[in-house]
Protein backbone atom coordinates (compact mmCIF):
# COMPACT_ATOMS: atom_id res chain seq x y z
CA MET A 1 175.61 117.18 110.89
CA GLY A 2 172.84 114.94 112.22
CA ILE A 3 170.20 113.14 110.18
CA GLU A 4 167.68 112.45 112.96
CA PRO A 5 164.25 112.82 111.24
CA GLY A 6 162.67 114.76 114.11
CA ALA A 7 165.41 117.38 114.05
CA LEU A 8 165.19 117.65 110.26
CA ARG A 9 161.42 118.05 110.55
CA SER A 10 161.92 121.04 112.84
CA VAL A 11 164.21 122.63 110.27
CA ALA A 12 161.71 121.93 107.48
CA VAL A 13 158.86 123.54 109.44
CA ARG A 14 160.99 126.56 110.24
CA LEU A 15 162.02 127.03 106.61
CA ALA A 16 158.55 126.53 105.18
CA SER A 17 157.01 128.91 107.72
CA GLU A 18 159.56 131.65 107.05
CA ALA A 19 159.23 131.25 103.29
CA ALA A 20 155.43 131.32 103.46
CA GLU A 21 155.53 134.60 105.35
CA PHE A 22 157.90 136.00 102.72
CA VAL A 23 155.59 134.91 99.89
CA ARG A 24 152.52 136.45 101.58
CA HIS A 25 154.33 139.78 101.94
CA ARG A 26 155.79 139.80 98.43
CA ARG A 27 152.53 138.95 96.68
CA SER A 28 151.07 142.30 97.68
CA ALA A 29 154.26 144.20 96.86
CA VAL A 30 155.24 142.94 93.40
CA ASP A 31 154.43 144.58 90.06
CA TRP A 32 152.89 141.56 88.30
CA ALA A 33 153.10 143.18 84.85
CA THR A 34 156.89 142.87 84.91
CA SER A 35 157.53 139.94 87.24
CA VAL A 36 156.21 136.88 85.38
CA ARG A 37 158.14 134.88 82.78
CA THR A 38 157.57 131.41 81.32
CA LYS A 39 159.46 128.11 81.49
CA THR A 40 158.49 124.99 79.55
CA THR A 41 155.56 126.53 77.64
CA GLU A 42 153.76 129.87 77.39
CA THR A 43 151.27 128.66 80.00
CA ASP A 44 153.96 127.56 82.52
CA PRO A 45 154.83 130.67 84.56
CA VAL A 46 157.57 131.45 87.04
CA THR A 47 157.50 134.69 88.99
CA LEU A 48 160.05 136.95 90.58
CA VAL A 49 158.71 135.72 93.93
CA ASP A 50 159.47 132.09 92.99
CA THR A 51 163.11 132.90 92.40
CA GLU A 52 163.39 135.22 95.41
CA CYS A 53 161.81 132.63 97.69
CA GLU A 54 164.09 129.83 96.51
CA ARG A 55 167.12 132.04 97.14
CA LEU A 56 165.80 132.75 100.64
CA LEU A 57 165.44 129.03 101.33
CA ARG A 58 168.94 128.36 100.01
CA ARG A 59 170.43 131.10 102.19
CA ARG A 60 168.68 129.77 105.27
CA LEU A 61 169.84 126.22 104.56
CA ALA A 62 173.40 127.44 104.00
CA SER A 63 173.23 128.92 107.49
CA LEU A 64 171.43 126.07 109.27
CA ARG A 65 172.73 123.02 107.34
CA PRO A 66 175.82 124.09 105.38
CA ASP A 67 176.97 120.54 104.58
CA ASP A 68 173.73 119.44 102.91
CA ALA A 69 172.89 119.33 99.21
CA ILE A 70 169.88 121.21 97.82
CA LEU A 71 167.62 120.43 94.86
CA GLY A 72 165.30 123.29 93.95
CA GLU A 73 162.79 123.74 91.17
CA GLU A 74 164.22 127.01 89.90
CA ASP A 75 168.01 126.68 90.38
CA GLY A 76 168.60 122.93 90.16
CA GLU A 77 170.92 120.93 92.42
CA THR A 78 173.84 122.35 94.37
CA GLY A 79 176.17 120.94 96.99
CA ASP A 80 177.14 117.38 97.80
CA ALA A 81 175.16 115.20 100.20
CA GLY A 82 178.08 112.83 100.61
CA GLN A 83 179.31 114.28 103.90
CA SER A 84 176.00 114.88 105.66
CA GLN A 85 173.93 112.32 103.67
CA VAL A 86 171.06 114.83 103.51
CA ARG A 87 169.59 116.49 100.44
CA TRP A 88 166.88 119.13 100.69
CA VAL A 89 164.24 119.20 97.96
CA ILE A 90 162.47 122.55 97.80
CA ASP A 91 159.67 124.14 95.82
CA PRO A 92 159.38 127.85 96.60
CA ILE A 93 155.84 128.13 95.23
CA ASP A 94 153.92 125.02 94.23
CA GLY A 95 150.84 126.28 92.42
CA THR A 96 152.33 129.31 90.69
CA VAL A 97 149.34 129.81 88.38
CA ASN A 98 147.07 130.02 91.44
CA PHE A 99 149.54 132.43 93.01
CA VAL A 100 149.55 134.71 89.97
CA TYR A 101 145.75 134.74 89.72
CA GLY A 102 145.18 135.18 93.45
CA ILE A 103 143.53 131.78 93.89
CA PRO A 104 144.29 130.80 97.53
CA ALA A 105 145.84 127.38 96.88
CA TYR A 106 149.64 127.54 96.66
CA ALA A 107 152.35 126.21 98.91
CA VAL A 108 155.98 126.19 99.96
CA SER A 109 157.31 122.62 99.98
CA VAL A 110 160.44 121.52 101.86
CA ALA A 111 161.68 117.92 102.24
CA ALA A 112 164.84 116.37 103.65
CA GLN A 113 165.94 113.19 101.90
CA VAL A 114 168.51 110.54 102.80
CA GLU A 115 169.58 108.27 99.95
CA GLY A 116 166.69 109.56 97.87
CA VAL A 117 164.01 108.84 100.47
CA SER A 118 162.14 111.66 102.22
CA VAL A 119 162.58 111.43 106.00
CA ALA A 120 161.25 114.85 107.06
CA ALA A 121 158.94 117.33 105.39
CA ALA A 122 156.88 120.47 105.70
CA VAL A 123 154.32 121.99 103.34
CA ALA A 124 153.09 125.49 104.11
CA ASP A 125 149.65 126.38 102.76
CA VAL A 126 150.55 130.03 102.25
CA ALA A 127 147.14 131.67 101.91
CA ALA A 128 145.57 129.71 104.77
CA ASP A 129 148.63 130.10 107.05
CA ARG A 130 148.70 126.36 107.83
CA VAL A 131 151.79 124.12 107.97
CA PHE A 132 151.68 120.37 107.38
CA SER A 133 154.67 118.34 108.52
CA ALA A 134 155.93 114.80 109.07
CA ALA A 135 158.98 112.77 109.99
CA SER A 136 159.58 109.11 109.22
CA GLY A 137 157.87 106.93 111.81
CA SER A 138 156.44 109.88 113.75
CA GLY A 139 153.14 110.53 112.00
CA ALA A 140 151.92 113.71 110.31
CA THR A 141 150.38 116.86 111.75
CA VAL A 142 149.02 120.22 110.67
CA ARG A 143 149.59 123.45 112.56
CA GLU A 144 146.60 125.73 112.12
CA ALA A 145 146.71 129.51 111.72
CA ASN A 146 145.79 129.88 115.41
CA GLY A 147 148.84 127.82 116.42
CA LEU A 148 146.94 124.67 117.38
CA GLN A 149 148.43 121.43 116.09
CA ARG A 150 146.51 118.26 115.34
CA PRO A 151 147.35 114.84 113.92
CA LEU A 152 146.45 113.88 110.37
CA GLY A 153 144.79 110.72 109.11
CA CYS A 154 143.20 109.58 105.86
CA ASN A 155 139.47 109.17 105.47
CA PRO A 156 138.01 105.74 106.35
CA VAL A 157 136.44 105.46 102.87
CA SER A 158 136.11 101.85 101.66
CA GLU A 159 134.60 102.12 98.16
CA VAL A 160 136.10 103.87 95.15
CA ARG A 161 132.66 104.90 93.90
CA LEU A 162 132.44 107.13 96.98
CA ALA A 163 135.96 108.55 96.65
CA LEU A 164 136.76 112.20 95.97
CA VAL A 165 139.87 112.23 93.79
CA ALA A 166 142.36 115.04 93.15
CA THR A 167 144.48 115.32 90.04
CA GLY A 168 146.45 117.83 88.01
CA PHE A 169 147.39 118.54 84.41
CA ALA A 170 150.67 119.22 82.67
CA TYR A 171 151.58 122.25 80.57
CA SER A 172 152.45 120.07 77.55
CA THR A 173 149.46 119.87 75.21
CA VAL A 174 150.32 116.29 74.21
CA ARG A 175 150.34 115.15 77.85
CA ARG A 176 147.19 117.14 78.63
CA GLU A 177 145.25 115.37 75.91
CA ARG A 178 146.12 111.97 77.39
CA GLN A 179 145.36 113.20 80.92
CA ALA A 180 141.96 114.46 79.78
CA ARG A 181 141.12 111.02 78.37
CA LEU A 182 142.08 109.41 81.69
CA VAL A 183 139.81 111.78 83.63
CA ALA A 184 136.94 110.97 81.26
CA GLN A 185 137.40 107.26 82.06
CA LEU A 186 137.81 107.84 85.79
CA LEU A 187 134.99 110.30 86.45
CA PRO A 188 132.02 107.89 86.03
CA ARG A 189 133.59 105.49 88.56
CA VAL A 190 134.26 107.84 91.50
CA ARG A 191 132.31 110.37 93.56
CA ASP A 192 133.94 113.34 91.82
CA VAL A 193 137.25 114.83 90.72
CA ARG A 194 139.00 117.98 91.94
CA ARG A 195 141.75 119.97 90.23
CA ILE A 196 143.16 122.20 92.97
CA GLY A 197 146.35 123.31 91.24
CA SER A 198 149.06 122.35 93.74
CA ALA A 199 150.34 118.79 93.93
CA ALA A 200 151.85 119.41 97.36
CA LEU A 201 148.47 120.51 98.71
CA ASP A 202 146.73 117.60 96.95
CA LEU A 203 148.96 115.15 98.81
CA CYS A 204 148.33 116.94 102.10
CA ALA A 205 144.60 116.84 101.33
CA VAL A 206 144.81 113.03 101.15
CA ALA A 207 146.62 113.08 104.50
CA GLU A 208 143.94 115.29 106.02
CA GLY A 209 140.96 113.49 104.51
CA ARG A 210 139.87 116.42 102.36
CA VAL A 211 140.18 114.10 99.36
CA ASP A 212 140.42 110.32 99.31
CA ALA A 213 142.99 109.83 96.56
CA GLN A 214 145.33 111.78 94.32
CA TYR A 215 147.08 110.90 91.09
CA GLU A 216 149.10 112.83 88.52
CA HIS A 217 151.70 112.22 85.84
CA GLY A 218 154.95 114.07 85.24
CA LEU A 219 155.58 115.81 88.54
CA GLY A 220 159.09 116.89 89.45
CA PRO A 221 160.64 115.63 92.70
CA TRP A 222 160.15 119.06 94.32
CA ASP A 223 156.39 118.72 93.70
CA TRP A 224 155.96 115.51 95.70
CA ALA A 225 158.99 114.95 97.97
CA ALA A 226 157.40 116.64 100.99
CA GLY A 227 153.71 115.97 100.40
CA ALA A 228 154.23 112.27 99.75
CA LEU A 229 155.90 111.73 103.12
CA ILE A 230 153.11 113.64 104.87
CA ALA A 231 150.49 111.49 103.11
CA ARG A 232 152.35 108.27 103.93
CA GLU A 233 152.73 109.17 107.60
CA ALA A 234 148.97 109.85 107.69
CA GLY A 235 148.32 106.32 106.46
CA ALA A 236 148.12 106.74 102.68
CA VAL A 237 149.34 104.10 100.24
CA LEU A 238 151.69 105.62 97.65
CA VAL A 239 152.88 105.02 94.11
CA LEU A 240 156.07 107.00 93.51
CA PRO A 241 158.75 107.25 90.81
CA GLY A 242 162.46 107.26 91.54
CA ALA A 243 163.71 110.17 93.62
CA ASP A 244 165.34 111.87 90.62
CA ALA A 245 162.89 110.89 87.88
CA PRO A 246 162.51 113.97 85.65
CA SER A 247 159.05 115.34 85.00
CA SER A 248 159.63 114.73 81.29
CA ASP A 249 159.42 110.97 81.92
CA GLY A 250 155.77 111.44 82.85
CA GLU A 251 155.70 108.79 85.56
CA LEU A 252 152.66 108.28 87.80
CA ILE A 253 152.43 109.62 91.34
CA ALA A 254 149.47 108.48 93.43
CA ALA A 255 148.33 108.59 97.04
CA MET A 256 145.32 106.61 98.24
CA ALA A 257 143.44 106.25 101.50
CA PRO A 258 144.19 102.71 102.72
CA GLY A 259 140.58 101.52 102.55
CA ILE A 260 140.44 102.05 98.78
CA ALA A 261 144.11 101.49 97.88
CA ARG A 262 143.62 98.07 96.29
CA GLU A 263 140.47 99.01 94.36
CA PHE A 264 141.74 102.42 93.24
CA GLY A 265 145.08 100.91 92.26
CA GLN A 266 143.25 98.40 90.09
CA LEU A 267 141.19 101.20 88.56
CA LEU A 268 144.39 103.02 87.61
CA THR A 269 145.57 99.83 85.94
CA ASP A 270 142.25 99.32 84.14
CA ILE A 271 142.34 102.79 82.55
CA ASP A 272 146.09 102.48 81.76
CA ALA A 273 146.99 105.31 84.13
CA ARG A 274 149.99 103.37 85.43
CA SER A 275 151.83 103.89 82.16
CA PRO A 276 154.05 106.99 81.93
CA ILE A 277 152.87 109.94 79.88
CA PRO A 278 156.09 111.51 78.53
CA GLY A 279 156.06 115.24 77.95
C-alpha cells in the first residue's frame, strides 16, 4: 500500500474524526462508577471508552490499511510494518483524567510513521469538535466545528519573558516532585504557565499560537507522535526522543515558536530540564 503523506493524512483525519464522534457519544452513555480502572498508579486512569475507542481505531485500520503495523497506548504494538513501511501510532483518549471529570480538553491522536518518523497526523479535539492535521512538507491546518479549515502557524513571539508555556505532570510521585521544581524555576522567567492536561492538545496549541512553547518529560510515543508533526509543520522547533523511547525513560519533549526557540532552549538547559526524569 502507498506511503504518500497526503493520502495518509486523509486516513488519519478520517480515523480521528470517527473516533471523536464515538467518544462523544459514549461519554454520555457509560456508567462511570464501573468503567474506570487504573494503570501505572492509582491516579492514572483508563476507562472502558479508552479501550473501546482503541479497538474501533484498530478495526478501521485493519479495513483501510491491513498491511500496516499499529502501536496503541492500551494494547501495545501489533502487525509488521516491513511490507508497507507504515506504522500507525494511536492514542484513543489523550487526557483521560479530563475526560473522566468532564473537563473539555481531551483528544484522539492518530499518526502515521515511516521508519519511526511521523509523516501524517490528525488530532481531534473531541469536546470542541475540531480536527488538527498535517502531512510532511504540506503544512498544518485545523478544521473547525462549522467545517471551515484554516492554516496553522506559531505566534511571532520573540522574547521568552512574554511566552505562555504549556506543560504536564507525570503520575509517578518521584517524577512529579522534580517536575514541580522545574516549574518553580521556569515560572519567574516567562509570562505564565498552563497545565491543560493533554499533551496532544498542548502541541496543537503551539501550532495554533494559543501557547508559545510546550515541554514535558516522560510522554509515550502515542502522546506526541501526531501533535509533534502538526507543531513542526506550523513552524515550531522541536526536541523529541527516539520514536520508541518508553515513557519510563523520562526524556524531554518540547515544542517552541521559532522566535523564542534559541532562548527557550537555553532556558531549559539552564534549569536542567534537558536531563531525563526517569519514572
